[in-house]
């Protein structure tokens, strides 16, 4: 048993060193997916286990045991972390840190066949739920609906399969934008790991099983997060004011995205995309002002002007409703 445990720890260290070599800051994890090293401040009065008496310590004291703040890409420091936690069976990858500024989108398993684990941003882990062996269609469908509604496509990127049947989608964010951790804010079953959080790395072994790269993920790096998705992941900037009609500068904020949606249409979907975009424009009150631009975009994809105008007129009638 001891030999098996040592073998698992050595494997976790090897995986962690490989991740660190690729620029991902890592920490050792216990089989529970929590940081393997306990806080050195856990017994200090009033600390709650994380403070040093005068505030939250993020490793400034020089001791190990500060969770995600211990994460490093330095191989010697990684070895020191694992040497201090010989019971570690996995590793966590800190999100939001250079050079990848990792963002994790966690598609959880269906709550009807599993019991979800806690996933607050205080410990930052992105674990799956317990029991199910199939990814929930609800979280996948919810993400697809968000992509359709907000006009983005998920790029080819790293995907990690969790032992519960869920998956972690890895994306890269801009250096100057902070993505917070969230649980279920985007949609039920979709958690997000950003700054101050971490993802369980592939090759980790937990009490519920192993995390592994999805087929086709080997050799990939996190792809840039689509801008429309990034807007959903980040809080609105303070101080921004809308112009007339609820849009900055009086221009329809969604107009550009709708036009791009039409321009991206392929044969067999041109009319459908145009109709959908026109409906959204009329629903938001700027259909008439965007109509000519949508016509031009549709013509560029191969529709005739007559077909485009007829489709937009149909969208206008549908969204107008009863007089």
C-alpha atoms as a PDB file:
ATOM      1  CA  UNK A   1       0.000   0.000   0.000  1.00  0.00           C
ATOM      2  CA  UNK A   2       2.828   2.398   0.927  1.00  0.00           C
ATOM      3  CA  UNK A   3       4.582   1.641  -2.350  1.00  0.00           C
ATOM      4  CA  UNK A   4       1.354   2.368  -4.285  1.00  0.00           C
ATOM      5  CA  UNK A   5       0.861   5.648  -2.412  1.00  0.00           C
ATOM      6  CA  UNK A   6       4.472   6.672  -3.056  1.00  0.00           C
ATOM      7  CA  UNK A   7       4.077   5.762  -6.721  1.00  0.00           C
ATOM      8  CA  UNK A   8       0.930   7.934  -6.965  1.00  0.00           C
ATOM      9  CA  UNK A   9       2.711  10.865  -5.325  1.00  0.00           C
ATOM     10  CA  UNK A  10       5.687  10.503  -7.665  1.00  0.00           C
ATOM     11  CA  UNK A  11       3.354  10.476 -10.658  1.00  0.00           C
ATOM     12  CA  UNK A  12       1.595  13.584  -9.380  1.00  0.00           C
ATOM     13  CA  UNK A  13       4.968  15.321  -9.003  1.00  0.00           C
ATOM     14  CA  UNK A  14       5.969  14.310 -12.533  1.00  0.00           C
ATOM     15  CA  UNK A  15       2.726  15.679 -13.966  1.00  0.00           C
ATOM     16  CA  UNK A  16       3.089  18.846 -11.913  1.00  0.00           C
ATOM     17  CA  UNK A  17       6.659  19.412 -13.109  1.00  0.00           C
ATOM     18  CA  UNK A  18       5.548  18.931 -16.706  1.00  0.00           C
ATOM     19  CA  UNK A  19       2.747  21.484 -16.227  1.00  0.00           C
ATOM     20  CA  UNK A  20       5.135  23.931 -14.575  1.00  0.00           C
ATOM     21  CA  UNK A  21       7.567  23.557 -17.473  1.00  0.00           C
ATOM     22  CA  UNK A  22       4.697  24.620 -19.771  1.00  0.00           C
ATOM     23  CA  UNK A  23       4.121  27.777 -17.718  1.00  0.00           C
ATOM     24  CA  UNK A  24       1.319  26.636 -15.390  1.00  0.00           C
ATOM     25  CA  UNK A  25       1.872  27.495 -11.683  1.00  0.00           C
ATOM     26  CA  UNK A  26       1.132  24.390  -9.575  1.00  0.00           C
ATOM     27  CA  UNK A  27       0.511  23.260  -5.992  1.00  0.00           C
ATOM     28  CA  UNK A  28       0.178  19.735  -4.508  1.00  0.00           C
ATOM     29  CA  UNK A  29      -3.354  18.503  -3.777  1.00  0.00           C
ATOM     30  CA  UNK A  30      -4.651  15.877  -1.389  1.00  0.00           C
ATOM     31  CA  UNK A  31      -7.078  13.142  -2.526  1.00  0.00           C
ATOM     32  CA  UNK A  32      -9.926  15.479  -1.489  1.00  0.00           C
ATOM     33  CA  UNK A  33      -8.740  17.988  -4.146  1.00  0.00           C
ATOM     34  CA  UNK A  34      -7.882  20.504  -1.433  1.00  0.00           C
ATOM     35  CA  UNK A  35      -4.377  21.971  -1.053  1.00  0.00           C
ATOM     36  CA  UNK A  36      -2.212  19.294   0.537  1.00  0.00           C
ATOM     37  CA  UNK A  37      -0.390  21.702   2.853  1.00  0.00           C
ATOM     38  CA  UNK A  38      -2.316  23.213   5.739  1.00  0.00           C
ATOM     39  CA  UNK A  39      -2.068  26.901   6.597  1.00  0.00           C
ATOM     40  CA  UNK A  40       0.798  27.770   8.956  1.00  0.00           C
ATOM     41  CA  UNK A  41      -1.562  30.343  10.521  1.00  0.00           C
ATOM     42  CA  UNK A  42      -4.384  27.945  11.330  1.00  0.00           C
ATOM     43  CA  UNK A  43      -3.805  28.138  15.108  1.00  0.00           C
ATOM     44  CA  UNK A  44      -3.351  31.897  15.349  1.00  0.00           C
ATOM     45  CA  UNK A  45      -6.081  33.707  17.309  1.00  0.00           C
ATOM     46  CA  UNK A  46      -8.723  35.242  15.093  1.00  0.00           C
ATOM     47  CA  UNK A  47      -7.065  33.964  11.960  1.00  0.00           C
ATOM     48  CA  UNK A  48      -9.747  31.595  10.736  1.00  0.00           C
ATOM     49  CA  UNK A  49      -6.838  29.497   9.569  1.00  0.00           C
ATOM     50  CA  UNK A  50      -5.710  31.877   6.843  1.00  0.00           C
ATOM     51  CA  UNK A  51      -4.576  35.131   8.412  1.00  0.00           C
ATOM     52  CA  UNK A  52      -1.505  36.279  10.200  1.00  0.00           C
ATOM     53  CA  UNK A  53      -3.257  38.512  12.712  1.00  0.00           C
ATOM     54  CA  UNK A  54      -3.057  41.743  10.732  1.00  0.00           C
ATOM     55  CA  UNK A  55      -4.720  40.551   7.539  1.00  0.00           C
ATOM     56  CA  UNK A  56      -4.791  37.760   5.015  1.00  0.00           C
ATOM     57  CA  UNK A  57      -1.357  36.275   4.447  1.00  0.00           C
ATOM     58  CA  UNK A  58      -0.705  35.206   0.879  1.00  0.00           C
ATOM     59  CA  UNK A  59       2.677  33.717   1.499  1.00  0.00           C
ATOM     60  CA  UNK A  60       4.458  36.883   2.576  1.00  0.00           C
ATOM     61  CA  UNK A  61       5.525  35.105   5.767  1.00  0.00           C
ATOM     62  CA  UNK A  62       7.763  32.814   3.712  1.00  0.00           C
ATOM     63  CA  UNK A  63       6.169  29.614   4.986  1.00  0.00           C
ATOM     64  CA  UNK A  64       4.381  26.984   2.909  1.00  0.00           C
ATOM     65  CA  UNK A  65       0.682  26.278   3.204  1.00  0.00           C
ATOM     66  CA  UNK A  66      -1.047  29.252   1.563  1.00  0.00           C
ATOM     67  CA  UNK A  67      -3.041  27.294  -0.957  1.00  0.00           C
ATOM     68  CA  UNK A  68      -3.113  28.726  -4.449  1.00  0.00           C
ATOM     69  CA  UNK A  69      -0.671  31.464  -3.390  1.00  0.00           C
ATOM     70  CA  UNK A  70       2.058  28.806  -3.104  1.00  0.00           C
ATOM     71  CA  UNK A  71       1.648  27.972  -6.785  1.00  0.00           C
ATOM     72  CA  UNK A  72       4.875  28.178  -8.749  1.00  0.00           C
ATOM     73  CA  UNK A  73       6.504  27.214 -12.033  1.00  0.00           C
ATOM     74  CA  UNK A  74       9.980  26.917 -10.510  1.00  0.00           C
ATOM     75  CA  UNK A  75      10.915  23.200 -10.609  1.00  0.00           C
ATOM     76  CA  UNK A  76      12.935  23.310  -7.396  1.00  0.00           C
ATOM     77  CA  UNK A  77      10.074  25.047  -5.578  1.00  0.00           C
ATOM     78  CA  UNK A  78       7.614  22.484  -6.964  1.00  0.00           C
ATOM     79  CA  UNK A  79       9.765  19.643  -5.657  1.00  0.00           C
ATOM     80  CA  UNK A  80       9.965  21.365  -2.254  1.00  0.00           C
ATOM     81  CA  UNK A  81       6.168  21.653  -2.109  1.00  0.00           C
ATOM     82  CA  UNK A  82       5.695  17.960  -2.859  1.00  0.00           C
ATOM     83  CA  UNK A  83       8.475  16.971  -0.465  1.00  0.00           C
ATOM     84  CA  UNK A  84       6.558  18.797   2.268  1.00  0.00           C
ATOM     85  CA  UNK A  85       3.355  16.962   1.276  1.00  0.00           C
ATOM     86  CA  UNK A  86       4.314  13.316   0.579  1.00  0.00           C
ATOM     87  CA  UNK A  87       0.612  12.362   0.835  1.00  0.00           C
ATOM     88  CA  UNK A  88      -0.278  14.471  -2.240  1.00  0.00           C
ATOM     89  CA  UNK A  89      -1.904  12.515  -5.053  1.00  0.00           C
ATOM     90  CA  UNK A  90      -2.594  15.363  -7.447  1.00  0.00           C
ATOM     91  CA  UNK A  91      -1.812  18.936  -8.310  1.00  0.00           C
ATOM     92  CA  UNK A  92      -3.722  22.141  -8.824  1.00  0.00           C
ATOM     93  CA  UNK A  93      -3.068  24.750 -11.506  1.00  0.00           C
ATOM     94  CA  UNK A  94      -3.522  28.368 -10.444  1.00  0.00           C
ATOM     95  CA  UNK A  95      -5.868  30.335 -12.680  1.00  0.00           C
ATOM     96  CA  UNK A  96      -5.415  33.952 -13.728  1.00  0.00           C
ATOM     97  CA  UNK A  97      -1.630  33.834 -13.540  1.00  0.00           C
ATOM     98  CA  UNK A  98       0.877  34.667 -16.278  1.00  0.00           C
ATOM     99  CA  UNK A  99       1.696  33.550 -18.876  1.00  0.00           C
ATOM    100  CA  UNK A 100      -1.576  31.759 -19.706  1.00  0.00           C
ATOM    101  CA  UNK A 101      -3.969  33.686 -17.410  1.00  0.00           C
ATOM    102  CA  UNK A 102      -5.978  30.481 -17.261  1.00  0.00           C
ATOM    103  CA  UNK A 103      -9.787  30.510 -17.089  1.00  0.00           C
ATOM    104  CA  UNK A 104     -11.567  27.260 -16.303  1.00  0.00           C
ATOM    105  CA  UNK A 105     -15.158  26.571 -17.366  1.00  0.00           C
ATOM    106  CA  UNK A 106     -16.395  23.582 -15.371  1.00  0.00           C
ATOM    107  CA  UNK A 107     -19.331  21.685 -16.867  1.00  0.00           C
ATOM    108  CA  UNK A 108     -20.725  19.776 -13.932  1.00  0.00           C
ATOM    109  CA  UNK A 109     -22.695  16.527 -13.878  1.00  0.00           C
ATOM    110  CA  UNK A 110     -26.450  16.416 -13.612  1.00  0.00           C
ATOM    111  CA  UNK A 111     -27.720  16.929 -10.048  1.00  0.00           C
ATOM    112  CA  UNK A 112     -30.382  14.244 -10.566  1.00  0.00           C
ATOM    113  CA  UNK A 113     -27.731  11.497 -10.653  1.00  0.00           C
ATOM    114  CA  UNK A 114     -25.034  13.083  -8.527  1.00  0.00           C
ATOM    115  CA  UNK A 115     -24.487  15.094  -5.395  1.00  0.00           C
ATOM    116  CA  UNK A 116     -22.589  18.288  -6.093  1.00  0.00           C
ATOM    117  CA  UNK A 117     -19.586  19.175  -3.971  1.00  0.00           C
ATOM    118  CA  UNK A 118     -19.063  22.617  -2.551  1.00  0.00           C
ATOM    119  CA  UNK A 119     -17.120  24.890  -4.870  1.00  0.00           C
ATOM    120  CA  UNK A 120     -16.742  28.249  -3.189  1.00  0.00           C
ATOM    121  CA  UNK A 121     -14.072  30.626  -4.368  1.00  0.00           C
ATOM    122  CA  UNK A 122     -12.287  30.495  -0.996  1.00  0.00           C
ATOM    123  CA  UNK A 123     -10.460  27.306  -1.844  1.00  0.00           C
ATOM    124  CA  UNK A 124     -10.724  27.841  -5.594  1.00  0.00           C
ATOM    125  CA  UNK A 125     -10.881  24.194  -6.613  1.00  0.00           C
ATOM    126  CA  UNK A 126     -12.881  23.153  -9.643  1.00  0.00           C
ATOM    127  CA  UNK A 127     -13.921  19.661  -8.771  1.00  0.00           C
ATOM    128  CA  UNK A 128     -16.721  17.716 -10.361  1.00  0.00           C
ATOM    129  CA  UNK A 129     -19.662  16.111  -8.564  1.00  0.00           C
ATOM    130  CA  UNK A 130     -20.101  12.643  -7.184  1.00  0.00           C
ATOM    131  CA  UNK A 131     -21.507   9.554  -8.827  1.00  0.00           C
ATOM    132  CA  UNK A 132     -22.461  10.181 -12.461  1.00  0.00           C
ATOM    133  CA  UNK A 133     -20.435   8.872 -15.358  1.00  0.00           C
ATOM    134  CA  UNK A 134     -22.005  10.940 -18.146  1.00  0.00           C
ATOM    135  CA  UNK A 135     -21.708  14.708 -18.644  1.00  0.00           C
ATOM    136  CA  UNK A 136     -25.000  16.405 -17.918  1.00  0.00           C
ATOM    137  CA  UNK A 137     -26.860  17.449 -21.050  1.00  0.00           C
ATOM    138  CA  UNK A 138     -28.155  20.430 -19.078  1.00  0.00           C
ATOM    139  CA  UNK A 139     -24.774  22.104 -18.563  1.00  0.00           C
ATOM    140  CA  UNK A 140     -23.654  21.315 -22.120  1.00  0.00           C
ATOM    141  CA  UNK A 141     -26.941  22.593 -23.537  1.00  0.00           C
ATOM    142  CA  UNK A 142     -26.751  25.671 -21.313  1.00  0.00           C
ATOM    143  CA  UNK A 143     -23.285  26.511 -22.636  1.00  0.00           C
ATOM    144  CA  UNK A 144     -24.438  25.955 -26.215  1.00  0.00           C
ATOM    145  CA  UNK A 145     -27.417  28.235 -25.584  1.00  0.00           C
ATOM    146  CA  UNK A 146     -25.128  30.945 -24.197  1.00  0.00           C
ATOM    147  CA  UNK A 147     -22.904  30.628 -27.254  1.00  0.00           C
ATOM    148  CA  UNK A 148     -25.888  30.920 -29.585  1.00  0.00           C
ATOM    149  CA  UNK A 149     -27.461  33.791 -27.669  1.00  0.00           C
ATOM    150  CA  UNK A 150     -24.264  35.819 -27.308  1.00  0.00           C
ATOM    151  CA  UNK A 151     -22.748  34.961 -30.679  1.00  0.00           C
ATOM    152  CA  UNK A 152     -19.544  33.150 -29.820  1.00  0.00           C
ATOM    153  CA  UNK A 153     -17.994  29.821 -30.716  1.00  0.00           C
ATOM    154  CA  UNK A 154     -15.784  27.858 -28.344  1.00  0.00           C
ATOM    155  CA  UNK A 155     -12.354  27.380 -29.945  1.00  0.00           C
ATOM    156  CA  UNK A 156     -10.377  24.153 -30.033  1.00  0.00           C
ATOM    157  CA  UNK A 157      -8.666  24.084 -26.664  1.00  0.00           C
ATOM    158  CA  UNK A 158      -7.595  21.915 -23.739  1.00  0.00           C
ATOM    159  CA  UNK A 159     -10.390  19.856 -22.170  1.00  0.00           C
ATOM    160  CA  UNK A 160      -9.912  17.801 -19.016  1.00  0.00           C
ATOM    161  CA  UNK A 161     -12.323  14.971 -18.155  1.00  0.00           C
ATOM    162  CA  UNK A 162     -13.232  14.651 -14.476  1.00  0.00           C
ATOM    163  CA  UNK A 163     -13.831  11.325 -12.713  1.00  0.00           C
ATOM    164  CA  UNK A 164     -17.494  12.270 -12.170  1.00  0.00           C
ATOM    165  CA  UNK A 165     -18.141  12.579 -15.911  1.00  0.00           C
ATOM    166  CA  UNK A 166     -17.853  16.358 -16.142  1.00  0.00           C
ATOM    167  CA  UNK A 167     -15.278  18.346 -18.033  1.00  0.00           C
ATOM    168  CA  UNK A 168     -13.082  21.385 -17.563  1.00  0.00           C
ATOM    169  CA  UNK A 169     -12.625  23.680 -20.554  1.00  0.00           C
ATOM    170  CA  UNK A 170      -9.381  25.652 -20.405  1.00  0.00           C
ATOM    171  CA  UNK A 171      -9.244  29.136 -21.911  1.00  0.00           C
ATOM    172  CA  UNK A 172      -6.691  31.928 -21.845  1.00  0.00           C
ATOM    173  CA  UNK A 173      -7.701  35.415 -20.729  1.00  0.00           C
ATOM    174  CA  UNK A 174      -6.196  38.864 -21.333  1.00  0.00           C
ATOM    175  CA  UNK A 175      -3.507  39.931 -18.881  1.00  0.00           C
ATOM    176  CA  UNK A 176      -5.306  43.074 -17.688  1.00  0.00           C
ATOM    177  CA  UNK A 177      -8.741  41.527 -17.105  1.00  0.00           C
ATOM    178  CA  UNK A 178      -9.566  39.734 -13.874  1.00  0.00           C
ATOM    179  CA  UNK A 179     -12.076  36.901 -14.143  1.00  0.00           C
ATOM    180  CA  UNK A 180     -13.632  36.060 -10.763  1.00  0.00           C
ATOM    181  CA  UNK A 181     -14.614  32.619  -9.516  1.00  0.00           C
ATOM    182  CA  UNK A 182     -18.300  31.782  -9.699  1.00  0.00           C
ATOM    183  CA  UNK A 183     -20.602  28.801  -9.168  1.00  0.00           C
ATOM    184  CA  UNK A 184     -23.738  28.540 -11.273  1.00  0.00           C
ATOM    185  CA  UNK A 185     -23.810  32.242 -12.139  1.00  0.00           C
ATOM    186  CA  UNK A 186     -23.565  31.664 -15.896  1.00  0.00           C
ATOM    187  CA  UNK A 187     -26.084  28.811 -15.783  1.00  0.00           C
ATOM    188  CA  UNK A 188     -26.890  25.853 -13.512  1.00  0.00           C
ATOM    189  CA  UNK A 189     -24.117  23.286 -13.664  1.00  0.00           C
ATOM    190  CA  UNK A 190     -21.521  25.729 -15.023  1.00  0.00           C
ATOM    191  CA  UNK A 191     -18.814  26.923 -12.628  1.00  0.00           C
ATOM    192  CA  UNK A 192     -15.958  29.256 -13.483  1.00  0.00           C
ATOM    193  CA  UNK A 193     -12.446  29.361 -12.063  1.00  0.00           C
ATOM    194  CA  UNK A 194     -10.479  32.572 -12.396  1.00  0.00           C
ATOM    195  CA  UNK A 195      -8.123  34.665 -10.277  1.00  0.00           C
ATOM    196  CA  UNK A 196      -7.590  33.120  -6.845  1.00  0.00           C
ATOM    197  CA  UNK A 197      -8.934  29.753  -7.985  1.00  0.00           C
ATOM    198  CA  UNK A 198      -7.376  26.607  -9.360  1.00  0.00           C
ATOM    199  CA  UNK A 199      -8.147  23.618 -11.535  1.00  0.00           C
ATOM    200  CA  UNK A 200      -7.264  20.014 -10.763  1.00  0.00           C
ATOM    201  CA  UNK A 201      -4.542  19.087 -13.255  1.00  0.00           C
ATOM    202  CA  UNK A 202      -4.785  16.101 -15.609  1.00  0.00           C
ATOM    203  CA  UNK A 203      -3.037  13.065 -14.199  1.00  0.00           C
ATOM    204  CA  UNK A 204      -4.202  13.842 -10.669  1.00  0.00           C
ATOM    205  CA  UNK A 205      -5.748  11.012  -8.664  1.00  0.00           C
ATOM    206  CA  UNK A 206      -8.488  11.906  -6.203  1.00  0.00           C
ATOM    207  CA  UNK A 207     -10.786   9.969  -3.887  1.00  0.00           C
ATOM    208  CA  UNK A 208     -13.281   9.751  -6.767  1.00  0.00           C
ATOM    209  CA  UNK A 209     -10.850   8.794  -9.514  1.00  0.00           C
ATOM    210  CA  UNK A 210      -8.394  10.300 -11.982  1.00  0.00           C
ATOM    211  CA  UNK A 211      -8.492  13.458 -14.063  1.00  0.00           C
ATOM    212  CA  UNK A 212      -7.355  12.977 -17.650  1.00  0.00           C
ATOM    213  CA  UNK A 213      -6.968  14.915 -20.863  1.00  0.00           C
ATOM    214  CA  UNK A 214      -9.808  14.511 -23.335  1.00  0.00           C
ATOM    215  CA  UNK A 215      -8.902  12.892 -26.671  1.00  0.00           C
ATOM    216  CA  UNK A 216      -7.338  15.490 -28.948  1.00  0.00           C
ATOM    217  CA  UNK A 217      -6.209  17.762 -26.104  1.00  0.00           C
ATOM    218  CA  UNK A 218      -2.624  16.517 -25.914  1.00  0.00           C
ATOM    219  CA  UNK A 219      -0.258  19.137 -27.256  1.00  0.00           C
ATOM    220  CA  UNK A 220      -2.838  21.945 -27.156  1.00  0.00           C
ATOM    221  CA  UNK A 221      -2.534  25.137 -25.133  1.00  0.00           C
ATOM    222  CA  UNK A 222      -5.469  27.122 -23.736  1.00  0.00           C
ATOM    223  CA  UNK A 223      -7.110  29.036 -26.589  1.00  0.00           C
ATOM    224  CA  UNK A 224      -8.034  32.714 -26.135  1.00  0.00           C
ATOM    225  CA  UNK A 225     -11.413  33.167 -24.499  1.00  0.00           C
ATOM    226  CA  UNK A 226     -13.990  34.522 -26.989  1.00  0.00           C
ATOM    227  CA  UNK A 227     -14.696  38.190 -26.283  1.00  0.00           C
ATOM    228  CA  UNK A 228     -18.431  37.685 -25.913  1.00  0.00           C
ATOM    229  CA  UNK A 229     -17.881  34.928 -23.354  1.00  0.00           C
ATOM    230  CA  UNK A 230     -15.282  37.046 -21.549  1.00  0.00           C
ATOM    231  CA  UNK A 231     -17.892  39.788 -21.145  1.00  0.00           C
ATOM    232  CA  UNK A 232     -20.170  37.271 -19.453  1.00  0.00           C
ATOM    233  CA  UNK A 233     -17.383  36.142 -17.118  1.00  0.00           C
ATOM    234  CA  UNK A 234     -16.330  39.593 -15.922  1.00  0.00           C
ATOM    235  CA  UNK A 235     -18.310  42.072 -13.798  1.00  0.00           C
ATOM    236  CA  UNK A 236     -19.405  45.257 -15.635  1.00  0.00           C
ATOM    237  CA  UNK A 237     -16.944  48.103 -15.360  1.00  0.00           C
ATOM    238  CA  UNK A 238     -17.997  50.844 -13.018  1.00  0.00           C
ATOM    239  CA  UNK A 239     -18.491  54.296 -14.462  1.00  0.00           C
ATOM    240  CA  UNK A 240     -19.858  53.127 -17.778  1.00  0.00           C
ATOM    241  CA  UNK A 241     -23.052  54.922 -18.702  1.00  0.00           C
ATOM    242  CA  UNK A 242     -25.447  54.062 -21.426  1.00  0.00           C
ATOM    243  CA  UNK A 243     -26.424  56.544 -24.076  1.00  0.00           C
ATOM    244  CA  UNK A 244     -29.962  57.171 -25.363  1.00  0.00           C
ATOM    245  CA  UNK A 245     -32.014  54.014 -25.659  1.00  0.00           C
ATOM    246  CA  UNK A 246     -29.849  52.166 -23.124  1.00  0.00           C
ATOM    247  CA  UNK A 247     -26.771  51.847 -25.383  1.00  0.00           C
ATOM    248  CA  UNK A 248     -23.442  53.648 -25.114  1.00  0.00           C
ATOM    249  CA  UNK A 249     -23.297  56.548 -27.506  1.00  0.00           C
ATOM    250  CA  UNK A 250     -26.865  55.852 -28.654  1.00  0.00           C
ATOM    251  CA  UNK A 251     -25.737  52.984 -30.895  1.00  0.00           C
ATOM    252  CA  UNK A 252     -27.065  49.433 -30.569  1.00  0.00           C
ATOM    253  CA  UNK A 253     -24.510  47.530 -28.527  1.00  0.00           C
ATOM    254  CA  UNK A 254     -25.439  44.195 -30.064  1.00  0.00           C
ATOM    255  CA  UNK A 255     -25.667  45.376 -33.647  1.00  0.00           C
ATOM    256  CA  UNK A 256     -22.084  44.563 -34.575  1.00  0.00           C
ATOM    257  CA  UNK A 257     -22.313  41.055 -33.123  1.00  0.00           C
ATOM    258  CA  UNK A 258     -25.548  40.342 -34.986  1.00  0.00           C
ATOM    259  CA  UNK A 259     -24.028  41.460 -38.278  1.00  0.00           C
ATOM    260  CA  UNK A 260     -20.972  39.263 -37.682  1.00  0.00           C
ATOM    261  CA  UNK A 261     -23.312  36.372 -36.901  1.00  0.00           C
ATOM    262  CA  UNK A 262     -24.971  36.783 -40.300  1.00  0.00           C
ATOM    263  CA  UNK A 263     -21.639  37.153 -42.101  1.00  0.00           C
ATOM    264  CA  UNK A 264     -20.426  33.855 -40.609  1.00  0.00           C
ATOM    265  CA  UNK A 265     -23.314  31.918 -42.179  1.00  0.00           C
ATOM    266  CA  UNK A 266     -22.582  29.011 -44.520  1.00  0.00           C
ATOM    267  CA  UNK A 267     -24.761  27.531 -47.241  1.00  0.00           C
ATOM    268  CA  UNK A 268     -27.930  26.115 -45.754  1.00  0.00           C
ATOM    269  CA  UNK A 269     -28.008  28.442 -42.761  1.00  0.00           C
ATOM    270  CA  UNK A 270     -27.952  31.926 -44.308  1.00  0.00           C
ATOM    271  CA  UNK A 271     -31.682  32.575 -44.115  1.00  0.00           C
ATOM    272  CA  UNK A 272     -31.991  31.062 -40.639  1.00  0.00           C
ATOM    273  CA  UNK A 273     -29.154  33.175 -39.258  1.00  0.00           C
ATOM    274  CA  UNK A 274     -30.499  36.330 -40.867  1.00  0.00           C
ATOM    275  CA  UNK A 275     -33.980  35.714 -39.469  1.00  0.00           C
ATOM    276  CA  UNK A 276     -32.601  35.048 -35.964  1.00  0.00           C
ATOM    277  CA  UNK A 277     -30.408  38.166 -36.022  1.00  0.00           C
ATOM    278  CA  UNK A 278     -33.244  40.350 -37.294  1.00  0.00           C
ATOM    279  CA  UNK A 279     -35.585  39.052 -34.584  1.00  0.00           C
ATOM    280  CA  UNK A 280     -33.047  39.901 -31.899  1.00  0.00           C
ATOM    281  CA  UNK A 281     -32.533  43.370 -33.361  1.00  0.00           C
ATOM    282  CA  UNK A 282     -36.270  44.118 -33.417  1.00  0.00           C
ATOM    283  CA  UNK A 283     -36.750  42.692 -29.927  1.00  0.00           C
ATOM    284  CA  UNK A 284     -34.111  45.127 -28.646  1.00  0.00           C
ATOM    285  CA  UNK A 285     -35.602  48.094 -30.441  1.00  0.00           C
ATOM    286  CA  UNK A 286     -33.054  48.751 -33.179  1.00  0.00           C
ATOM    287  CA  UNK A 287     -34.293  46.507 -35.973  1.00  0.00           C
ATOM    288  CA  UNK A 288     -35.194  49.313 -38.353  1.00  0.00           C
ATOM    289  CA  UNK A 289     -31.844  51.065 -37.920  1.00  0.00           C
ATOM    290  CA  UNK A 290     -29.910  47.814 -38.450  1.00  0.00           C
ATOM    291  CA  UNK A 291     -32.029  46.452 -41.311  1.00  0.00           C
ATOM    292  CA  UNK A 292     -29.967  47.849 -44.207  1.00  0.00           C
ATOM    293  CA  UNK A 293     -26.720  46.632 -42.656  1.00  0.00           C
ATOM    294  CA  UNK A 294     -28.232  43.174 -42.213  1.00  0.00           C
ATOM    295  CA  UNK A 295     -29.371  43.174 -45.831  1.00  0.00           C
ATOM    296  CA  UNK A 296     -25.857  44.026 -46.993  1.00  0.00           C
ATOM    297  CA  UNK A 297     -24.380  41.284 -44.791  1.00  0.00           C
ATOM    298  CA  UNK A 298     -26.863  38.712 -46.075  1.00  0.00           C
ATOM    299  CA  UNK A 299     -26.161  39.603 -49.706  1.00  0.00           C
ATOM    300  CA  UNK A 300     -22.445  39.135 -49.035  1.00  0.00           C
ATOM    301  CA  UNK A 301     -23.157  35.574 -47.842  1.00  0.00           C
ATOM    302  CA  UNK A 302     -25.039  34.706 -51.053  1.00  0.00           C
ATOM    303  CA  UNK A 303     -28.691  35.638 -50.473  1.00  0.00           C
ATOM    304  CA  UNK A 304     -30.403  37.932 -52.967  1.00  0.00           C
ATOM    305  CA  UNK A 305     -31.476  41.356 -51.781  1.00  0.00           C
ATOM    306  CA  UNK A 306     -35.119  40.370 -52.280  1.00  0.00           C
ATOM    307  CA  UNK A 307     -34.722  37.256 -50.121  1.00  0.00           C
ATOM    308  CA  UNK A 308     -32.923  39.228 -47.408  1.00  0.00           C
ATOM    309  CA  UNK A 309     -35.566  41.964 -47.262  1.00  0.00           C
ATOM    310  CA  UNK A 310     -38.364  39.398 -47.153  1.00  0.00           C
ATOM    311  CA  UNK A 311     -36.711  37.568 -44.255  1.00  0.00           C
ATOM    312  CA  UNK A 312     -36.170  40.778 -42.288  1.00  0.00           C
ATOM    313  CA  UNK A 313     -39.772  41.824 -42.925  1.00  0.00           C
ATOM    314  CA  UNK A 314     -40.940  38.461 -41.573  1.00  0.00           C
ATOM    315  CA  UNK A 315     -38.838  39.009 -38.434  1.00  0.00           C
ATOM    316  CA  UNK A 316     -40.353  42.475 -38.010  1.00  0.00           C
ATOM    317  CA  UNK A 317     -43.897  41.127 -38.233  1.00  0.00           C
ATOM    318  CA  UNK A 318     -43.188  38.235 -35.868  1.00  0.00           C
ATOM    319  CA  UNK A 319     -41.669  40.403 -33.150  1.00  0.00           C
ATOM    320  CA  UNK A 320     -44.281  43.144 -33.454  1.00  0.00           C
ATOM    321  CA  UNK A 321     -46.983  40.856 -32.075  1.00  0.00           C
ATOM    322  CA  UNK A 322     -50.668  41.827 -31.892  1.00  0.00           C
ATOM    323  CA  UNK A 323     -51.457  45.452 -32.641  1.00  0.00           C
END
